[in-house]
C-alpha atoms as a PDB file:
ATOM      1  CA  MET A   1      -0.027  -0.135   0.059  1.00  0.00           C
ATOM      2  CA  ILE A   2       2.925   2.297   0.701  1.00  0.00           C
ATOM      3  CA  LEU A   3       4.006   2.049  -2.859  1.00  0.00           C
ATOM      4  CA  LEU A   4       0.549   1.750  -4.475  1.00  0.00           C
ATOM      5  CA  MET A   5      -1.087   4.878  -2.911  1.00  0.00           C
ATOM      6  CA  PRO A   6       1.416   7.511  -4.351  1.00  0.00           C
ATOM      7  CA  ARG A   7       1.026   5.823  -7.766  1.00  0.00           C
ATOM      8  CA  LEU A   8      -2.665   6.005  -7.521  1.00  0.00           C
ATOM      9  CA  VAL A   9      -2.714   9.821  -6.397  1.00  0.00           C
ATOM     10  CA  ALA A  10      -0.262  10.610  -9.175  1.00  0.00           C
ATOM     11  CA  ARG A  11      -2.221   8.719 -11.796  1.00  0.00           C
ATOM     12  CA  SER A  12      -5.557  10.620 -10.881  1.00  0.00           C
ATOM     13  CA  LYS A  13      -3.694  14.058 -10.856  1.00  0.00           C
ATOM     14  CA  ARG A  14      -2.617  13.402 -14.329  1.00  0.00           C
ATOM     15  CA  MET A  15      -5.938  12.817 -15.840  1.00  0.00           C
ATOM     16  CA  PRO A  16      -6.040  15.449 -18.573  1.00  0.00           C
ATOM     17  CA  VAL A  17      -8.464  18.409 -18.252  1.00  0.00           C
ATOM     18  CA  PRO A  18     -10.607  18.727 -21.416  1.00  0.00           C
ATOM     19  CA  GLU A  19      -9.488  21.417 -23.316  1.00  0.00           C
ATOM     20  CA  GLN A  20     -13.109  23.379 -22.796  1.00  0.00           C
ATOM     21  CA  LEU A  21     -12.165  23.577 -18.812  1.00  0.00           C
ATOM     22  CA  ARG A  22      -8.439  24.230 -19.062  1.00  0.00           C
ATOM     23  CA  ASP A  23      -8.570  28.113 -18.627  1.00  0.00           C
ATOM     24  CA  PHE A  24     -10.909  27.977 -15.075  1.00  0.00           C
ATOM     25  CA  ALA A  25      -8.041  26.915 -12.867  1.00  0.00           C
ATOM     26  CA  LEU A  26      -9.939  24.043 -11.314  1.00  0.00           C
ATOM     27  CA  THR A  27      -8.577  22.383  -8.129  1.00  0.00           C
ATOM     28  CA  PRO A  28      -8.929  19.188  -6.681  1.00  0.00           C
ATOM     29  CA  ARG A  29     -11.695  20.291  -4.261  1.00  0.00           C
ATOM     30  CA  HIS A  30     -13.219  21.756  -7.440  1.00  0.00           C
ATOM     31  CA  LEU A  31     -13.375  18.305  -9.089  1.00  0.00           C
ATOM     32  CA  SER A  32     -14.814  16.863  -6.049  1.00  0.00           C
ATOM     33  CA  LEU A  33     -17.611  19.063  -6.036  1.00  0.00           C
ATOM     34  CA  LEU A  34     -18.286  18.762  -9.742  1.00  0.00           C
ATOM     35  CA  ALA A  35     -18.154  15.067  -8.933  1.00  0.00           C
ATOM     36  CA  LEU A  36     -20.900  15.435  -6.582  1.00  0.00           C
ATOM     37  CA  LEU A  37     -23.150  17.374  -8.849  1.00  0.00           C
ATOM     38  CA  LEU A  38     -22.498  15.225 -11.840  1.00  0.00           C
ATOM     39  CA  TYR A  39     -23.295  11.895  -9.928  1.00  0.00           C
ATOM     40  CA  ASP A  40     -25.788  13.082  -7.478  1.00  0.00           C
ATOM     41  CA  GLY A  41     -27.632  15.794  -9.438  1.00  0.00           C
ATOM     42  CA  PRO A  42     -28.626  19.164  -8.513  1.00  0.00           C
ATOM     43  CA  SER A  43     -28.095  19.686  -4.673  1.00  0.00           C
ATOM     44  CA  ALA A  44     -28.336  22.499  -2.031  1.00  0.00           C
ATOM     45  CA  VAL A  45     -25.065  23.902  -0.833  1.00  0.00           C
ATOM     46  CA  LYS A  46     -25.677  22.460   2.775  1.00  0.00           C
ATOM     47  CA  ASP A  47     -25.728  19.127   1.109  1.00  0.00           C
ATOM     48  CA  LEU A  48     -22.682  19.712  -1.076  1.00  0.00           C
ATOM     49  CA  ALA A  49     -20.905  20.759   2.120  1.00  0.00           C
ATOM     50  CA  ASP A  50     -21.988  17.548   3.884  1.00  0.00           C
ATOM     51  CA  GLY A  51     -20.832  15.450   1.070  1.00  0.00           C
ATOM     52  CA  LEU A  52     -17.622  17.053   0.850  1.00  0.00           C
ATOM     53  CA  ASP A  53     -17.191  17.182   4.614  1.00  0.00           C
ATOM     54  CA  VAL A  54     -16.392  20.628   4.684  1.00  0.00           C
ATOM     55  CA  ALA A  55     -18.096  23.645   5.984  1.00  0.00           C
ATOM     56  CA  SER A  56     -21.277  25.323   4.034  1.00  0.00           C
ATOM     57  CA  THR A  57     -19.348  28.856   3.701  1.00  0.00           C
ATOM     58  CA  THR A  58     -16.306  26.587   1.987  1.00  0.00           C
ATOM     59  CA  VAL A  59     -19.009  25.258  -0.593  1.00  0.00           C
ATOM     60  CA  SER A  60     -20.766  28.599  -0.921  1.00  0.00           C
ATOM     61  CA  LEU A  61     -17.018  30.242  -1.768  1.00  0.00           C
ATOM     62  CA  MET A  62     -16.591  27.410  -4.486  1.00  0.00           C
ATOM     63  CA  VAL A  63     -19.743  27.489  -5.954  1.00  0.00           C
ATOM     64  CA  GLY A  64     -19.809  31.380  -6.324  1.00  0.00           C
ATOM     65  CA  ASP A  65     -16.200  31.066  -7.865  1.00  0.00           C
ATOM     66  CA  LEU A  66     -17.405  28.258 -10.558  1.00  0.00           C
ATOM     67  CA  SER A  67     -20.754  30.093 -10.808  1.00  0.00           C
ATOM     68  CA  ARG A  68     -18.978  33.487 -12.063  1.00  0.00           C
ATOM     69  CA  GLN A  69     -17.031  31.430 -14.552  1.00  0.00           C
ATOM     70  CA  GLY A  70     -20.052  30.138 -15.798  1.00  0.00           C
ATOM     71  CA  ILE A  71     -19.560  26.241 -14.896  1.00  0.00           C
ATOM     72  CA  LEU A  72     -22.441  26.287 -12.307  1.00  0.00           C
ATOM     73  CA  GLN A  73     -25.601  27.326 -12.132  1.00  0.00           C
ATOM     74  CA  ARG A  74     -27.603  28.637  -9.121  1.00  0.00           C
ATOM     75  CA  HIS A  75     -31.223  29.096  -8.376  1.00  0.00           C
ATOM     76  CA  GLU A  76     -33.789  29.034  -5.695  1.00  0.00           C
ATOM     77  CA  ASP A  77     -35.223  26.157  -4.344  1.00  0.00           C
ATOM     78  CA  GLU A  78     -38.935  26.145  -5.475  1.00  0.00           C
ATOM     79  CA  GLN A  79     -40.123  24.589  -1.859  1.00  0.00           C
ATOM     80  CA  ASP A  80     -37.906  26.544   0.083  1.00  0.00           C
ATOM     81  CA  ARG A  81     -36.451  30.031  -1.091  1.00  0.00           C
ATOM     82  CA  ARG A  82     -33.984  30.300   1.573  1.00  0.00           C
ATOM     83  CA  ARG A  83     -32.178  27.232  -0.068  1.00  0.00           C
ATOM     84  CA  THR A  84     -29.948  27.502  -3.078  1.00  0.00           C
ATOM     85  CA  ILE A  85     -29.610  24.791  -5.563  1.00  0.00           C
ATOM     86  CA  VAL A  86     -26.654  24.230  -7.750  1.00  0.00           C
ATOM     87  CA  THR A  87     -26.183  22.512 -10.959  1.00  0.00           C
ATOM     88  CA  ILE A  88     -23.901  22.155 -13.652  1.00  0.00           C
ATOM     89  CA  ALA A  89     -24.079  24.483 -16.519  1.00  0.00           C
ATOM     90  CA  ASP A  90     -25.406  22.653 -19.650  1.00  0.00           C
ATOM     91  CA  GLU A  91     -22.584  23.879 -21.824  1.00  0.00           C
ATOM     92  CA  HIS A  92     -20.167  22.600 -19.380  1.00  0.00           C
ATOM     93  CA  ARG A  93     -21.817  19.411 -18.522  1.00  0.00           C
ATOM     94  CA  GLU A  94     -20.439  17.162 -21.451  1.00  0.00           C
ATOM     95  CA  ALA A  95     -16.658  17.999 -20.591  1.00  0.00           C
ATOM     96  CA  ILE A  96     -16.899  17.404 -17.082  1.00  0.00           C
ATOM     97  CA  GLU A  97     -18.394  14.126 -17.502  1.00  0.00           C
ATOM     98  CA  SER A  98     -15.796  13.067 -19.939  1.00  0.00           C
ATOM     99  CA  TRP A  99     -13.429  14.065 -17.345  1.00  0.00           C
ATOM    100  CA  LEU A 100     -14.492  12.252 -14.738  1.00  0.00           C
ATOM    101  CA  SER A 101     -15.708   9.528 -16.313  1.00  0.00           C
ATOM    102  CA  ALA A 102     -12.081   7.778 -16.714  1.00  0.00           C
ATOM    103  CA  GLY A 103     -11.714   7.574 -12.791  1.00  0.00           C
ATOM    104  CA  ALA A 104     -15.372   6.636 -12.333  1.00  0.00           C
ATOM    105  CA  GLY A 105     -14.877   3.618 -14.813  1.00  0.00           C
ATOM    106  CA  ALA A 106     -11.849   2.451 -13.153  1.00  0.00           C
ATOM    107  CA  TRP A 107     -13.594   2.604  -9.551  1.00  0.00           C
ATOM    108  CA  ARG A 108     -16.571   0.806 -11.358  1.00  0.00           C
ATOM    109  CA  THR A 109     -14.397  -1.990 -12.442  1.00  0.00           C
ATOM    110  CA  ALA A 110     -12.420  -2.469  -9.205  1.00  0.00           C
ATOM    111  CA  PHE A 111     -15.515  -2.720  -7.087  1.00  0.00           C
ATOM    112  CA  GLU A 112     -17.997  -4.366  -9.195  1.00  0.00           C
ATOM    113  CA  PRO A 113     -16.729  -8.044  -8.520  1.00  0.00           C
ATOM    114  CA  LEU A 114     -16.811  -7.288  -4.505  1.00  0.00           C
ATOM    115  CA  LYS A 115     -19.485  -8.024  -2.283  1.00  0.00           C
ATOM    116  CA  PRO A 116     -20.886  -5.043  -0.427  1.00  0.00           C
ATOM    117  CA  ALA A 117     -19.217  -5.880   2.748  1.00  0.00           C
ATOM    118  CA  GLU A 118     -15.829  -6.073   0.611  1.00  0.00           C
ATOM    119  CA  ARG A 119     -16.522  -2.721  -0.705  1.00  0.00           C
ATOM    120  CA  ALA A 120     -17.312  -1.330   3.079  1.00  0.00           C
ATOM    121  CA  LEU A 121     -14.147  -2.865   3.893  1.00  0.00           C
ATOM    122  CA  VAL A 122     -12.059  -1.351   1.305  1.00  0.00           C
ATOM    123  CA  ILE A 123     -13.503   2.031   1.918  1.00  0.00           C
ATOM    124  CA  ASN A 124     -13.143   2.146   5.625  1.00  0.00           C
ATOM    125  CA  ALA A 125      -9.537   1.110   5.388  1.00  0.00           C
ATOM    126  CA  LEU A 126      -9.134   4.192   3.049  1.00  0.00           C
ATOM    127  CA  LEU A 127     -10.921   6.213   5.371  1.00  0.00           C
ATOM    128  CA  THR A 128      -8.686   4.946   8.265  1.00  0.00           C
ATOM    129  CA  PHE A 129      -5.731   5.642   6.223  1.00  0.00           C
ATOM    130  CA  GLU A 130      -6.686   9.489   5.716  1.00  0.00           C
ATOM    131  CA  ARG A 131      -7.540   9.956   9.542  1.00  0.00           C
ATOM    132  CA  GLU A 132      -4.375   8.368  10.585  1.00  0.00           C
ATOM    133  CA  THR A 133      -2.289  10.124   8.298  1.00  0.00           C
ATOM    134  CA  MET A 134      -3.816  13.402   9.038  1.00  0.00           C
ATOM    135  CA  ALA A 135      -3.279  12.833  12.857  1.00  0.00           C
ATOM    136  CA  ALA A 136       0.447  11.634  12.421  1.00  0.00           C
ATOM    137  CA  THR A 137       1.201  14.607  10.623  1.00  0.00           C
ATOM    138  CA  LYS A 138      -0.904  17.301  12.698  1.00  0.00           C
ATOM    139  CA  GLN A 139      -2.888  18.328   9.422  1.00  0.00           C
ATOM    140  CA  PRO A 140      -6.076  20.033   9.614  1.00  0.00           C
ATOM    141  CA  ASP A 141      -9.112  18.843   8.209  1.00  0.00           C
END
């Protein structure tokens, strides 16, 4: 695992950004936000914050940045006007789908043969690794 993890991270960082998105200076956090929106669909800022395990203010800043660039669109929730619903702008959806599809397909291939308990074991092991390395290096969340 000590040899494999850096290779996995390096490989994921080398996934080429589609030409249409290169000028936007997207960060790994943006990628996680876009993945949530792509796979879970339009979401409220609070739900995105919960999914990313960050503060709502952090997501609001990211959404504001990506909205100004035209990557995301925001609108009021029809049932609760206090909530803002965020979605990927139609003109960028295809580029984002193509960018994320390689990683999603690889995870699908890796997890497909596993039973639910085995999948949970892998995910829990990765979460434990993350938590323990953060604690050992005194990194903030």
